[in-house]
Amino acid sequence: MSENNTNSMVVSESFIIALVGIGSACVGGFLTFLLRSRCHTIKCCGIECQRDVISPRSFSTAQIEIQSNK
């Protein structure tokens, strides 16, 4: 007589792929947030990054060129 072990969970390949996809999306969103931030120093998980951020005042409409594909 076999007993069903209800404590074990079968993990399928599609479940693992879904977890990897969700994890990648979260990491990508976090990296996009860091890229768009105006912080000069970023510290996360023991990693520190100091960067030069371009101020919004340094941009002017004369520097932006829009080209049309017509």
N, C-alpha and C. Protein backbone atom coordinates (compact mmCIF):
# COMPACT_ATOMS: atom_id res chain seq x y z
N MET A 1 0.83 -1.16 0.00
CA MET A 1 0.00 0.00 0.00
C MET A 1 0.89 1.24 0.00
N SER A 2 0.67 2.13 -0.94
CA SER A 2 1.49 3.33 -1.04
C SER A 2 0.76 4.51 -0.39
N GLU A 3 1.55 5.32 0.26
CA GLU A 3 1.00 6.50 0.91
C GLU A 3 1.35 7.73 0.09
N ASN A 4 0.40 8.63 -0.02
CA ASN A 4 0.65 9.89 -0.71
C ASN A 4 1.32 10.86 0.25
N ASN A 5 2.47 11.36 -0.16
CA ASN A 5 3.18 12.32 0.66
C ASN A 5 2.74 13.72 0.23
N THR A 6 1.94 14.38 1.03
CA THR A 6 1.40 15.69 0.67
C THR A 6 2.38 16.81 0.95
N ASN A 7 3.49 16.53 1.62
CA ASN A 7 4.46 17.56 1.95
C ASN A 7 5.43 17.83 0.80
N SER A 8 5.50 16.95 -0.17
CA SER A 8 6.43 17.18 -1.27
C SER A 8 5.71 17.91 -2.40
N MET A 9 6.45 18.79 -3.09
CA MET A 9 5.87 19.56 -4.18
C MET A 9 6.69 19.30 -5.44
N VAL A 10 6.03 18.99 -6.50
CA VAL A 10 6.70 18.74 -7.77
C VAL A 10 6.85 20.08 -8.48
N VAL A 11 8.10 20.40 -8.86
CA VAL A 11 8.39 21.65 -9.54
C VAL A 11 8.63 21.32 -11.01
N SER A 12 7.83 21.92 -11.87
CA SER A 12 7.96 21.66 -13.29
C SER A 12 8.90 22.68 -13.93
N GLU A 13 9.29 22.41 -15.17
CA GLU A 13 10.19 23.29 -15.89
C GLU A 13 9.54 24.64 -16.18
N SER A 14 8.25 24.62 -16.48
CA SER A 14 7.56 25.88 -16.77
C SER A 14 7.49 26.77 -15.53
N PHE A 15 7.38 26.18 -14.35
CA PHE A 15 7.37 26.95 -13.11
C PHE A 15 8.72 27.62 -12.90
N ILE A 16 9.80 26.91 -13.17
CA ILE A 16 11.15 27.47 -13.02
C ILE A 16 11.36 28.60 -14.03
N ILE A 17 10.92 28.40 -15.26
CA ILE A 17 11.05 29.43 -16.29
C ILE A 17 10.25 30.67 -15.89
N ALA A 18 9.07 30.48 -15.33
CA ALA A 18 8.25 31.61 -14.90
C ALA A 18 8.94 32.37 -13.76
N LEU A 19 9.54 31.66 -12.82
CA LEU A 19 10.25 32.32 -11.73
C LEU A 19 11.45 33.10 -12.23
N VAL A 20 12.20 32.54 -13.17
CA VAL A 20 13.35 33.24 -13.75
C VAL A 20 12.87 34.49 -14.49
N GLY A 21 11.78 34.40 -15.23
CA GLY A 21 11.24 35.55 -15.95
C GLY A 21 10.78 36.65 -15.01
N ILE A 22 10.10 36.29 -13.95
CA ILE A 22 9.64 37.28 -12.97
C ILE A 22 10.83 37.93 -12.28
N GLY A 23 11.83 37.14 -11.92
CA GLY A 23 13.04 37.69 -11.29
C GLY A 23 13.78 38.63 -12.22
N SER A 24 13.90 38.26 -13.48
CA SER A 24 14.58 39.11 -14.46
C SER A 24 13.82 40.42 -14.67
N ALA A 25 12.51 40.37 -14.69
CA ALA A 25 11.71 41.59 -14.85
C ALA A 25 11.89 42.51 -13.65
N CYS A 26 11.95 41.95 -12.46
CA CYS A 26 12.15 42.77 -11.26
C CYS A 26 13.53 43.42 -11.26
N VAL A 27 14.55 42.66 -11.61
CA VAL A 27 15.90 43.21 -11.66
C VAL A 27 16.00 44.29 -12.74
N GLY A 28 15.39 44.05 -13.90
CA GLY A 28 15.40 45.03 -14.98
C GLY A 28 14.70 46.32 -14.58
N GLY A 29 13.58 46.20 -13.91
CA GLY A 29 12.86 47.39 -13.43
C GLY A 29 13.67 48.16 -12.41
N PHE A 30 14.34 47.46 -11.53
CA PHE A 30 15.18 48.11 -10.51
C PHE A 30 16.36 48.83 -11.16
N LEU A 31 16.99 48.20 -12.15
CA LEU A 31 18.11 48.84 -12.84
C LEU A 31 17.66 50.06 -13.64
N THR A 32 16.47 50.01 -14.22
CA THR A 32 15.92 51.17 -14.92
C THR A 32 15.66 52.32 -13.95
N PHE A 33 15.17 51.99 -12.77
CA PHE A 33 14.95 52.99 -11.73
C PHE A 33 16.26 53.66 -11.34
N LEU A 34 17.32 52.87 -11.17
CA LEU A 34 18.61 53.42 -10.81
C LEU A 34 19.18 54.29 -11.93
N LEU A 35 18.97 53.89 -13.16
CA LEU A 35 19.49 54.65 -14.30
C LEU A 35 18.83 56.02 -14.41
N ARG A 36 17.54 56.10 -14.12
CA ARG A 36 16.81 57.35 -14.24
C ARG A 36 16.88 58.22 -12.99
N SER A 37 17.46 57.72 -11.93
CA SER A 37 17.51 58.50 -10.69
C SER A 37 18.51 59.63 -10.82
N ARG A 38 18.34 60.65 -10.01
CA ARG A 38 19.24 61.81 -10.01
C ARG A 38 20.19 61.77 -8.82
N CYS A 39 20.40 60.62 -8.24
CA CYS A 39 21.30 60.49 -7.10
C CYS A 39 22.75 60.46 -7.58
N HIS A 40 23.63 61.09 -6.82
CA HIS A 40 25.05 61.08 -7.15
C HIS A 40 25.74 59.84 -6.61
N THR A 41 25.27 59.35 -5.48
CA THR A 41 25.84 58.16 -4.86
C THR A 41 24.74 57.14 -4.65
N ILE A 42 24.96 55.92 -5.12
CA ILE A 42 23.99 54.84 -4.97
C ILE A 42 24.65 53.72 -4.20
N LYS A 43 24.02 53.29 -3.11
CA LYS A 43 24.53 52.18 -2.31
C LYS A 43 23.44 51.11 -2.24
N CYS A 44 23.79 49.88 -2.63
CA CYS A 44 22.81 48.80 -2.60
C CYS A 44 23.53 47.47 -2.43
N CYS A 45 23.16 46.71 -1.45
CA CYS A 45 23.68 45.36 -1.22
C CYS A 45 25.20 45.34 -1.13
N GLY A 46 25.79 46.33 -0.49
CA GLY A 46 27.24 46.38 -0.34
C GLY A 46 27.98 46.93 -1.54
N ILE A 47 27.28 47.34 -2.57
CA ILE A 47 27.89 47.92 -3.76
C ILE A 47 27.62 49.42 -3.76
N GLU A 48 28.67 50.20 -4.00
CA GLU A 48 28.53 51.65 -4.01
C GLU A 48 28.97 52.19 -5.37
N CYS A 49 28.17 53.11 -5.91
CA CYS A 49 28.46 53.71 -7.21
C CYS A 49 28.34 55.22 -7.09
N GLN A 50 29.39 55.93 -7.46
CA GLN A 50 29.35 57.38 -7.50
C GLN A 50 29.40 57.79 -8.97
N ARG A 51 28.49 58.67 -9.36
CA ARG A 51 28.41 59.04 -10.76
C ARG A 51 28.12 60.52 -10.92
N ASP A 52 28.44 61.04 -12.09
CA ASP A 52 28.15 62.43 -12.43
C ASP A 52 26.81 62.46 -13.15
N VAL A 53 25.87 63.15 -12.57
CA VAL A 53 24.52 63.24 -13.13
C VAL A 53 24.39 64.58 -13.84
N ILE A 54 23.87 64.55 -15.05
CA ILE A 54 23.66 65.78 -15.81
C ILE A 54 22.43 66.48 -15.25
N SER A 55 22.59 67.75 -14.92
CA SER A 55 21.47 68.48 -14.35
C SER A 55 20.48 68.85 -15.45
N PRO A 56 19.20 68.94 -15.11
CA PRO A 56 18.20 69.31 -16.11
C PRO A 56 18.41 70.70 -16.68
N ARG A 57 19.07 71.59 -15.93
CA ARG A 57 19.31 72.95 -16.40
C ARG A 57 20.33 72.99 -17.54
N SER A 58 21.18 71.95 -17.62
CA SER A 58 22.21 71.95 -18.66
C SER A 58 21.63 71.62 -20.04
N PHE A 59 20.43 71.07 -20.07
CA PHE A 59 19.78 70.78 -21.34
C PHE A 59 19.03 72.02 -21.83
N SER A 60 19.06 72.23 -23.10
CA SER A 60 18.25 73.29 -23.69
C SER A 60 17.60 72.74 -24.94
N THR A 61 16.56 73.39 -25.39
CA THR A 61 15.85 72.91 -26.57
C THR A 61 16.69 73.04 -27.83
N ALA A 62 17.71 73.89 -27.81
CA ALA A 62 18.58 74.06 -28.98
C ALA A 62 19.45 72.82 -29.19
N GLN A 63 19.71 72.05 -28.14
CA GLN A 63 20.55 70.87 -28.24
C GLN A 63 19.78 69.65 -28.73
N ILE A 64 18.46 69.72 -28.73
CA ILE A 64 17.64 68.59 -29.12
C ILE A 64 17.24 68.75 -30.58
N GLU A 65 17.50 67.74 -31.38
CA GLU A 65 17.16 67.78 -32.80
C GLU A 65 16.21 66.65 -33.11
N ILE A 66 15.06 66.97 -33.64
CA ILE A 66 14.04 65.97 -33.98
C ILE A 66 14.01 65.82 -35.49
N GLN A 67 14.15 64.58 -35.96
CA GLN A 67 14.13 64.32 -37.38
C GLN A 67 12.85 63.57 -37.74
N SER A 68 12.28 63.93 -38.86
CA SER A 68 11.07 63.30 -39.34
C SER A 68 11.42 62.29 -40.43
N ASN A 69 10.70 61.18 -40.48
CA ASN A 69 10.94 60.13 -41.48
C ASN A 69 10.00 60.24 -42.68
N LYS A 70 9.45 61.40 -42.94
CA LYS A 70 8.49 61.56 -44.05
C LYS A 70 9.15 61.66 -45.37
